Amino acid sequence: MAAVRGSFEEGYRLLPQYCDQIRRTNPESIALVYANPMDNSFHRLFVSFQASIYGFLNACRPLIGLDRTLLKSKYLGTLLFATGFDGDGALFLWHLGLLMKKMMITGCGSYLKLHNLLEINTENMPRLTILSDRQKVIVEGVEANFPTAFHGFCMRHLSDSFRKEFNNTLLVNLLWEAAQVLTVIEFEAKILRLRRYPKKLLTGFDESRLACGQQHILREPVLAI
């Protein structure tokens, strides 16, 4: 396999050249690779093509989905990505970040890079809604770099958490019903039913995120998948 695709070490060594090629062939793209100053080993990588940046700012809703996936190859790490949603509700990938394993806890500036990228490409920072699966590193990154954005949680992950934490099918069903109703009155009625459960059972439940996020779930069904 290494004879066909090259080794991991060779791939990391070529990253600076790859970033140079991106910037040369795709002007105004963001392609940055950082090395560890102690031993010159790979540290982190950020890539966002100019066409993707333009497409997000000019053809997508002001809504960003943030997520990460763990890399389980020879060199462990985390792949962070920012996804937009176009007018048809289709996913629109426009920003990638690659971090080594020891940097997973903090995100190491990935969300700051994302904020700066938006700031330098727009006259005014768009009023954003950010969607994530409630991972701590993402929540902290959003709070630090997008303090004015509304941060909602993905209903699938939220309902999975409810199911694991409370082991109560009725609660999970009520949560989905609250997210899918069409009027404020119906929503508040569902939340009222949730409030009737003992407080200790609903510790950590932030209904305001669901209440505000409800509008986006109704308009963009992809969020509820």
C-alpha atoms as a PDB file:
ATOM      1  CA  MET A   1       0.000   0.000   0.000  1.00  0.00           C
ATOM      2  CA  ALA A   2       2.822   2.432   0.851  1.00  0.00           C
ATOM      3  CA  ALA A   3       4.361   1.759  -2.571  1.00  0.00           C
ATOM      4  CA  VAL A   4       1.119   2.923  -4.205  1.00  0.00           C
ATOM      5  CA  ARG A   5      -0.022   5.746  -1.914  1.00  0.00           C
ATOM      6  CA  GLY A   6       3.202   6.647  -0.176  1.00  0.00           C
ATOM      7  CA  SER A   7       3.943   6.493   3.544  1.00  0.00           C
ATOM      8  CA  PHE A   8       2.303   8.543   6.293  1.00  0.00           C
ATOM      9  CA  GLU A   9       5.619  10.269   6.936  1.00  0.00           C
ATOM     10  CA  GLU A  10       5.976  11.243   3.284  1.00  0.00           C
ATOM     11  CA  GLY A  11       2.431  12.579   3.233  1.00  0.00           C
ATOM     12  CA  TYR A  12       3.005  14.827   6.247  1.00  0.00           C
ATOM     13  CA  ARG A  13       6.333  15.986   4.795  1.00  0.00           C
ATOM     14  CA  LEU A  14       4.603  17.109   1.592  1.00  0.00           C
ATOM     15  CA  LEU A  15       1.883  19.141   3.347  1.00  0.00           C
ATOM     16  CA  PRO A  16       3.731  22.492   3.037  1.00  0.00           C
ATOM     17  CA  GLN A  17       4.069  21.956  -0.721  1.00  0.00           C
ATOM     18  CA  TYR A  18       0.420  20.968  -0.928  1.00  0.00           C
ATOM     19  CA  CYS A  19      -0.612  24.196   0.818  1.00  0.00           C
ATOM     20  CA  ASP A  20       1.611  26.211  -1.527  1.00  0.00           C
ATOM     21  CA  GLN A  21      -0.081  24.552  -4.511  1.00  0.00           C
ATOM     22  CA  ILE A  22      -3.540  25.369  -3.141  1.00  0.00           C
ATOM     23  CA  ARG A  23      -2.693  29.043  -2.652  1.00  0.00           C
ATOM     24  CA  ARG A  24      -1.014  29.241  -6.081  1.00  0.00           C
ATOM     25  CA  THR A  25      -3.772  27.560  -8.077  1.00  0.00           C
ATOM     26  CA  ASN A  26      -6.702  28.845  -5.974  1.00  0.00           C
ATOM     27  CA  PRO A  27      -5.952  32.498  -5.099  1.00  0.00           C
ATOM     28  CA  GLU A  28      -7.501  33.799  -1.857  1.00  0.00           C
ATOM     29  CA  SER A  29      -7.834  30.269  -0.497  1.00  0.00           C
ATOM     30  CA  ILE A  30      -6.727  29.519   3.062  1.00  0.00           C
ATOM     31  CA  ALA A  31      -4.150  26.721   3.312  1.00  0.00           C
ATOM     32  CA  LEU A  32      -1.935  26.805   6.381  1.00  0.00           C
ATOM     33  CA  VAL A  33       0.213  24.115   7.947  1.00  0.00           C
ATOM     34  CA  TYR A  34       2.025  24.536  11.262  1.00  0.00           C
ATOM     35  CA  ALA A  35       4.958  22.582  12.656  1.00  0.00           C
ATOM     36  CA  ASN A  36       5.943  21.910  16.245  1.00  0.00           C
ATOM     37  CA  PRO A  37       8.791  24.379  16.950  1.00  0.00           C
ATOM     38  CA  MET A  38      10.514  21.843  19.190  1.00  0.00           C
ATOM     39  CA  ASP A  39      11.062  19.065  16.659  1.00  0.00           C
ATOM     40  CA  ASN A  40       9.540  20.423  13.426  1.00  0.00           C
ATOM     41  CA  SER A  41       6.909  17.651  13.423  1.00  0.00           C
ATOM     42  CA  PHE A  42       3.360  18.204  12.154  1.00  0.00           C
ATOM     43  CA  HIS A  43       1.211  20.351  14.430  1.00  0.00           C
ATOM     44  CA  ARG A  44      -1.999  21.380  12.639  1.00  0.00           C
ATOM     45  CA  LEU A  45      -3.487  22.117   9.219  1.00  0.00           C
ATOM     46  CA  PHE A  46      -6.296  24.413   8.026  1.00  0.00           C
ATOM     47  CA  VAL A  47      -7.752  24.383   4.516  1.00  0.00           C
ATOM     48  CA  SER A  48     -10.617  26.356   2.994  1.00  0.00           C
ATOM     49  CA  PHE A  49     -10.820  26.878  -0.769  1.00  0.00           C
ATOM     50  CA  GLN A  50     -11.759  30.326  -2.050  1.00  0.00           C
ATOM     51  CA  ALA A  51     -14.661  28.919  -4.069  1.00  0.00           C
ATOM     52  CA  SER A  52     -16.011  27.249  -0.918  1.00  0.00           C
ATOM     53  CA  ILE A  53     -15.649  30.436   1.132  1.00  0.00           C
ATOM     54  CA  TYR A  54     -17.434  32.447  -1.567  1.00  0.00           C
ATOM     55  CA  GLY A  55     -20.136  29.803  -1.913  1.00  0.00           C
ATOM     56  CA  PHE A  56     -20.853  29.765   1.812  1.00  0.00           C
ATOM     57  CA  LEU A  57     -21.002  33.549   2.136  1.00  0.00           C
ATOM     58  CA  ASN A  58     -23.074  34.141  -0.993  1.00  0.00           C
ATOM     59  CA  ALA A  59     -25.232  31.066  -1.500  1.00  0.00           C
ATOM     60  CA  CYS A  60     -25.727  29.403   1.888  1.00  0.00           C
ATOM     61  CA  ARG A  61     -27.800  30.189   4.923  1.00  0.00           C
ATOM     62  CA  PRO A  62     -25.944  31.793   7.871  1.00  0.00           C
ATOM     63  CA  LEU A  63     -25.833  28.407   9.520  1.00  0.00           C
ATOM     64  CA  ILE A  64     -22.694  26.385  10.312  1.00  0.00           C
ATOM     65  CA  GLY A  65     -22.542  22.774  11.350  1.00  0.00           C
ATOM     66  CA  LEU A  66     -19.423  21.998  13.389  1.00  0.00           C
ATOM     67  CA  ASP A  67     -18.242  18.474  13.996  1.00  0.00           C
ATOM     68  CA  ARG A  68     -15.128  16.361  14.352  1.00  0.00           C
ATOM     69  CA  THR A  69     -14.076  12.794  13.725  1.00  0.00           C
ATOM     70  CA  LEU A  70     -11.200  10.892  15.278  1.00  0.00           C
ATOM     71  CA  LEU A  71      -8.429   9.618  13.032  1.00  0.00           C
ATOM     72  CA  LYS A  72      -7.327   6.087  13.882  1.00  0.00           C
ATOM     73  CA  SER A  73      -4.438   5.588  11.494  1.00  0.00           C
ATOM     74  CA  LYS A  74      -0.770   5.317  12.461  1.00  0.00           C
ATOM     75  CA  TYR A  75      -0.697   8.925  13.688  1.00  0.00           C
ATOM     76  CA  LEU A  76      -3.792   9.667  15.757  1.00  0.00           C
ATOM     77  CA  GLY A  77      -5.513  13.010  15.475  1.00  0.00           C
ATOM     78  CA  THR A  78      -8.782  14.829  14.901  1.00  0.00           C
ATOM     79  CA  LEU A  79     -10.366  16.092  11.702  1.00  0.00           C
ATOM     80  CA  LEU A  80     -12.504  19.172  12.344  1.00  0.00           C
ATOM     81  CA  PHE A  81     -14.884  20.470   9.720  1.00  0.00           C
ATOM     82  CA  ALA A  82     -17.373  23.279   9.162  1.00  0.00           C
ATOM     83  CA  THR A  83     -20.372  22.589   6.949  1.00  0.00           C
ATOM     84  CA  GLY A  84     -22.932  24.968   5.514  1.00  0.00           C
ATOM     85  CA  PHE A  85     -26.413  24.318   4.115  1.00  0.00           C
ATOM     86  CA  ASP A  86     -27.443  25.576   0.701  1.00  0.00           C
ATOM     87  CA  GLY A  87     -30.912  26.654  -0.447  1.00  0.00           C
ATOM     88  CA  ASP A  88     -31.968  23.052  -1.007  1.00  0.00           C
ATOM     89  CA  GLY A  89     -30.836  21.931   2.446  1.00  0.00           C
ATOM     90  CA  ALA A  90     -27.838  20.052   1.022  1.00  0.00           C
ATOM     91  CA  LEU A  91     -24.551  19.915   2.909  1.00  0.00           C
ATOM     92  CA  PHE A  92     -21.835  22.336   1.791  1.00  0.00           C
ATOM     93  CA  LEU A  93     -18.373  21.563   3.181  1.00  0.00           C
ATOM     94  CA  TRP A  94     -16.191  24.671   3.271  1.00  0.00           C
ATOM     95  CA  HIS A  95     -13.565  24.423   6.024  1.00  0.00           C
ATOM     96  CA  LEU A  96     -11.281  21.635   7.290  1.00  0.00           C
ATOM     97  CA  GLY A  97      -8.858  21.470  10.199  1.00  0.00           C
ATOM     98  CA  LEU A  98      -6.492  18.629  11.084  1.00  0.00           C
ATOM     99  CA  LEU A  99      -5.027  18.421  14.587  1.00  0.00           C
ATOM    100  CA  MET A 100      -2.665  15.978  16.230  1.00  0.00           C
ATOM    101  CA  LYS A 101      -4.027  13.850  19.074  1.00  0.00           C
ATOM    102  CA  LYS A 102      -2.532  15.889  21.931  1.00  0.00           C
ATOM    103  CA  MET A 103      -4.312  19.013  20.642  1.00  0.00           C
ATOM    104  CA  MET A 104      -7.828  17.533  20.596  1.00  0.00           C
ATOM    105  CA  ILE A 105      -8.820  18.909  24.000  1.00  0.00           C
ATOM    106  CA  THR A 106      -8.482  22.586  23.076  1.00  0.00           C
ATOM    107  CA  GLY A 107      -9.112  22.699  19.338  1.00  0.00           C
ATOM    108  CA  CYS A 108      -5.920  24.785  19.149  1.00  0.00           C
ATOM    109  CA  GLY A 109      -7.250  27.828  17.386  1.00  0.00           C
ATOM    110  CA  SER A 110      -9.350  26.058  14.775  1.00  0.00           C
ATOM    111  CA  TYR A 111     -12.436  28.088  15.645  1.00  0.00           C
ATOM    112  CA  LEU A 112     -10.399  31.282  15.852  1.00  0.00           C
ATOM    113  CA  LYS A 113      -9.193  30.571  12.305  1.00  0.00           C
ATOM    114  CA  LEU A 114     -12.795  30.054  11.251  1.00  0.00           C
ATOM    115  CA  HIS A 115     -13.846  33.356  12.834  1.00  0.00           C
ATOM    116  CA  ASN A 116     -10.983  35.257  11.196  1.00  0.00           C
ATOM    117  CA  LEU A 117     -11.742  33.656   7.839  1.00  0.00           C
ATOM    118  CA  LEU A 118     -15.313  34.956   7.962  1.00  0.00           C
ATOM    119  CA  GLU A 119     -14.244  38.340   9.266  1.00  0.00           C
ATOM    120  CA  ILE A 120     -11.774  39.102   6.483  1.00  0.00           C
ATOM    121  CA  ASN A 121     -14.164  37.969   3.740  1.00  0.00           C
ATOM    122  CA  THR A 122     -17.223  39.952   4.775  1.00  0.00           C
ATOM    123  CA  GLU A 123     -17.940  43.601   5.484  1.00  0.00           C
ATOM    124  CA  ASN A 124     -20.041  42.569   8.459  1.00  0.00           C
ATOM    125  CA  MET A 125     -19.844  39.295  10.327  1.00  0.00           C
ATOM    126  CA  PRO A 126     -23.079  37.440   9.489  1.00  0.00           C
ATOM    127  CA  ARG A 127     -25.501  36.681  12.308  1.00  0.00           C
ATOM    128  CA  LEU A 128     -24.729  33.008  12.672  1.00  0.00           C
ATOM    129  CA  THR A 129     -26.506  29.979  13.993  1.00  0.00           C
ATOM    130  CA  ILE A 130     -24.091  27.177  14.836  1.00  0.00           C
ATOM    131  CA  LEU A 131     -25.102  23.554  15.137  1.00  0.00           C
ATOM    132  CA  SER A 132     -23.061  20.887  16.919  1.00  0.00           C
ATOM    133  CA  ASP A 133     -23.427  17.648  18.856  1.00  0.00           C
ATOM    134  CA  ARG A 134     -22.603  19.290  22.216  1.00  0.00           C
ATOM    135  CA  GLN A 135     -18.984  18.113  22.427  1.00  0.00           C
ATOM    136  CA  LYS A 136     -17.208  20.124  25.106  1.00  0.00           C
ATOM    137  CA  VAL A 137     -14.345  21.274  22.878  1.00  0.00           C
ATOM    138  CA  ILE A 138     -16.812  22.624  20.298  1.00  0.00           C
ATOM    139  CA  VAL A 139     -19.035  24.327  22.881  1.00  0.00           C
ATOM    140  CA  GLU A 140     -16.032  26.109  24.414  1.00  0.00           C
ATOM    141  CA  GLY A 141     -14.655  27.044  20.985  1.00  0.00           C
ATOM    142  CA  VAL A 142     -17.963  28.596  19.928  1.00  0.00           C
ATOM    143  CA  GLU A 143     -18.360  30.515  23.193  1.00  0.00           C
ATOM    144  CA  ALA A 144     -14.855  31.952  22.876  1.00  0.00           C
ATOM    145  CA  ASN A 145     -14.900  32.857  19.168  1.00  0.00           C
ATOM    146  CA  PHE A 146     -18.565  33.353  18.247  1.00  0.00           C
ATOM    147  CA  PRO A 147     -20.093  34.910  21.381  1.00  0.00           C
ATOM    148  CA  THR A 148     -22.984  36.547  19.479  1.00  0.00           C
ATOM    149  CA  ALA A 149     -23.966  33.407  17.553  1.00  0.00           C
ATOM    150  CA  PHE A 150     -26.804  31.165  18.627  1.00  0.00           C
ATOM    151  CA  HIS A 151     -25.413  27.699  19.354  1.00  0.00           C
ATOM    152  CA  GLY A 152     -27.980  24.949  18.931  1.00  0.00           C
ATOM    153  CA  PHE A 153     -27.561  21.216  19.344  1.00  0.00           C
ATOM    154  CA  CYS A 154     -28.327  18.501  16.816  1.00  0.00           C
ATOM    155  CA  MET A 155     -31.600  16.805  17.711  1.00  0.00           C
ATOM    156  CA  ARG A 156     -30.323  13.333  16.924  1.00  0.00           C
ATOM    157  CA  HIS A 157     -27.424  13.669  19.366  1.00  0.00           C
ATOM    158  CA  LEU A 158     -29.594  15.425  21.947  1.00  0.00           C
ATOM    159  CA  SER A 159     -32.222  12.684  21.854  1.00  0.00           C
ATOM    160  CA  ASP A 160     -29.526   9.999  22.051  1.00  0.00           C
ATOM    161  CA  SER A 161     -28.171  11.710  25.170  1.00  0.00           C
ATOM    162  CA  PHE A 162     -31.671  11.817  26.663  1.00  0.00           C
ATOM    163  CA  ARG A 163     -32.118   8.135  25.962  1.00  0.00           C
ATOM    164  CA  LYS A 164     -28.787   7.194  27.579  1.00  0.00           C
ATOM    165  CA  GLU A 165     -29.041   9.519  30.586  1.00  0.00           C
ATOM    166  CA  PHE A 166     -32.709   9.136  31.516  1.00  0.00           C
ATOM    167  CA  ASN A 167     -33.686   5.767  30.019  1.00  0.00           C
ATOM    168  CA  ASN A 168     -37.165   7.150  29.471  1.00  0.00           C
ATOM    169  CA  THR A 169     -38.795   6.743  26.052  1.00  0.00           C
ATOM    170  CA  LEU A 170     -41.564   9.209  26.909  1.00  0.00           C
ATOM    171  CA  LEU A 171     -39.025  11.968  27.580  1.00  0.00           C
ATOM    172  CA  VAL A 172     -37.302  11.325  24.257  1.00  0.00           C
ATOM    173  CA  ASN A 173     -40.620  11.400  22.407  1.00  0.00           C
ATOM    174  CA  LEU A 174     -41.611  14.659  24.109  1.00  0.00           C
ATOM    175  CA  LEU A 175     -38.291  16.189  23.119  1.00  0.00           C
ATOM    176  CA  TRP A 176     -38.845  15.320  19.448  1.00  0.00           C
ATOM    177  CA  GLU A 177     -42.431  16.518  19.583  1.00  0.00           C
ATOM    178  CA  ALA A 178     -41.304  19.871  21.007  1.00  0.00           C
ATOM    179  CA  ALA A 179     -38.766  20.291  18.199  1.00  0.00           C
ATOM    180  CA  GLN A 180     -41.256  19.482  15.445  1.00  0.00           C
ATOM    181  CA  VAL A 181     -44.336  21.507  16.389  1.00  0.00           C
ATOM    182  CA  LEU A 182     -45.389  24.409  14.171  1.00  0.00           C
ATOM    183  CA  THR A 183     -46.420  27.051  16.702  1.00  0.00           C
ATOM    184  CA  VAL A 184     -44.994  28.636  19.836  1.00  0.00           C
ATOM    185  CA  ILE A 185     -48.099  27.664  21.816  1.00  0.00           C
ATOM    186  CA  GLU A 186     -47.661  23.983  20.921  1.00  0.00           C
ATOM    187  CA  PHE A 187     -43.952  24.165  21.745  1.00  0.00           C
ATOM    188  CA  GLU A 188     -44.541  25.688  25.169  1.00  0.00           C
ATOM    189  CA  ALA A 189     -47.153  23.022  25.896  1.00  0.00           C
ATOM    190  CA  LYS A 190     -44.602  20.276  25.175  1.00  0.00           C
ATOM    191  CA  ILE A 191     -41.967  21.986  27.331  1.00  0.00           C
ATOM    192  CA  LEU A 192     -44.525  22.299  30.137  1.00  0.00           C
ATOM    193  CA  ARG A 193     -44.975  18.539  30.064  1.00  0.00           C
ATOM    194  CA  LEU A 194     -41.190  18.105  30.300  1.00  0.00           C
ATOM    195  CA  ARG A 195     -41.049  20.460  33.279  1.00  0.00           C
ATOM    196  CA  ARG A 196     -43.395  18.202  35.218  1.00  0.00           C
ATOM    197  CA  TYR A 197     -40.626  15.656  35.562  1.00  0.00           C
ATOM    198  CA  PRO A 198     -38.429  15.888  38.685  1.00  0.00           C
ATOM    199  CA  LYS A 199     -35.731  18.544  38.341  1.00  0.00           C
ATOM    200  CA  LYS A 200     -32.988  16.075  39.168  1.00  0.00           C
ATOM    201  CA  LEU A 201     -34.097  14.029  36.175  1.00  0.00           C
ATOM    202  CA  LEU A 202     -33.619  16.960  33.803  1.00  0.00           C
ATOM    203  CA  THR A 203     -30.352  18.301  35.211  1.00  0.00           C
ATOM    204  CA  GLY A 204     -28.343  19.893  32.407  1.00  0.00           C
ATOM    205  CA  PHE A 205     -31.323  20.251  30.049  1.00  0.00           C
ATOM    206  CA  ASP A 206     -31.251  23.717  28.461  1.00  0.00           C
ATOM    207  CA  GLU A 207     -34.661  24.223  26.887  1.00  0.00           C
ATOM    208  CA  SER A 208     -33.683  27.662  25.527  1.00  0.00           C
ATOM    209  CA  ARG A 209     -31.394  26.005  22.999  1.00  0.00           C
ATOM    210  CA  LEU A 210     -34.242  23.812  21.851  1.00  0.00           C
ATOM    211  CA  ALA A 211     -36.705  26.705  21.835  1.00  0.00           C
ATOM    212  CA  CYS A 212     -34.565  28.884  19.582  1.00  0.00           C
ATOM    213  CA  GLY A 213     -33.300  25.989  17.539  1.00  0.00           C
ATOM    214  CA  GLN A 214     -36.861  24.888  16.895  1.00  0.00           C
ATOM    215  CA  GLN A 215     -37.272  27.474  14.154  1.00  0.00           C
ATOM    216  CA  HIS A 216     -34.240  26.145  12.283  1.00  0.00           C
ATOM    217  CA  ILE A 217     -35.355  22.562  12.667  1.00  0.00           C
ATOM    218  CA  LEU A 218     -38.718  23.474  11.176  1.00  0.00           C
ATOM    219  CA  ARG A 219     -37.223  25.322   8.225  1.00  0.00           C
ATOM    220  CA  GLU A 220     -34.298  23.001   7.629  1.00  0.00           C
ATOM    221  CA  PRO A 221     -35.268  19.354   8.129  1.00  0.00           C
ATOM    222  CA  VAL A 222     -31.650  18.226   7.646  1.00  0.00           C
ATOM    223  CA  LEU A 223     -30.957  19.364  11.211  1.00  0.00           C
ATOM    224  CA  ALA A 224     -33.359  16.866  12.656  1.00  0.00           C
ATOM    225  CA  ILE A 225     -31.898  13.867  10.853  1.00  0.00           C
END
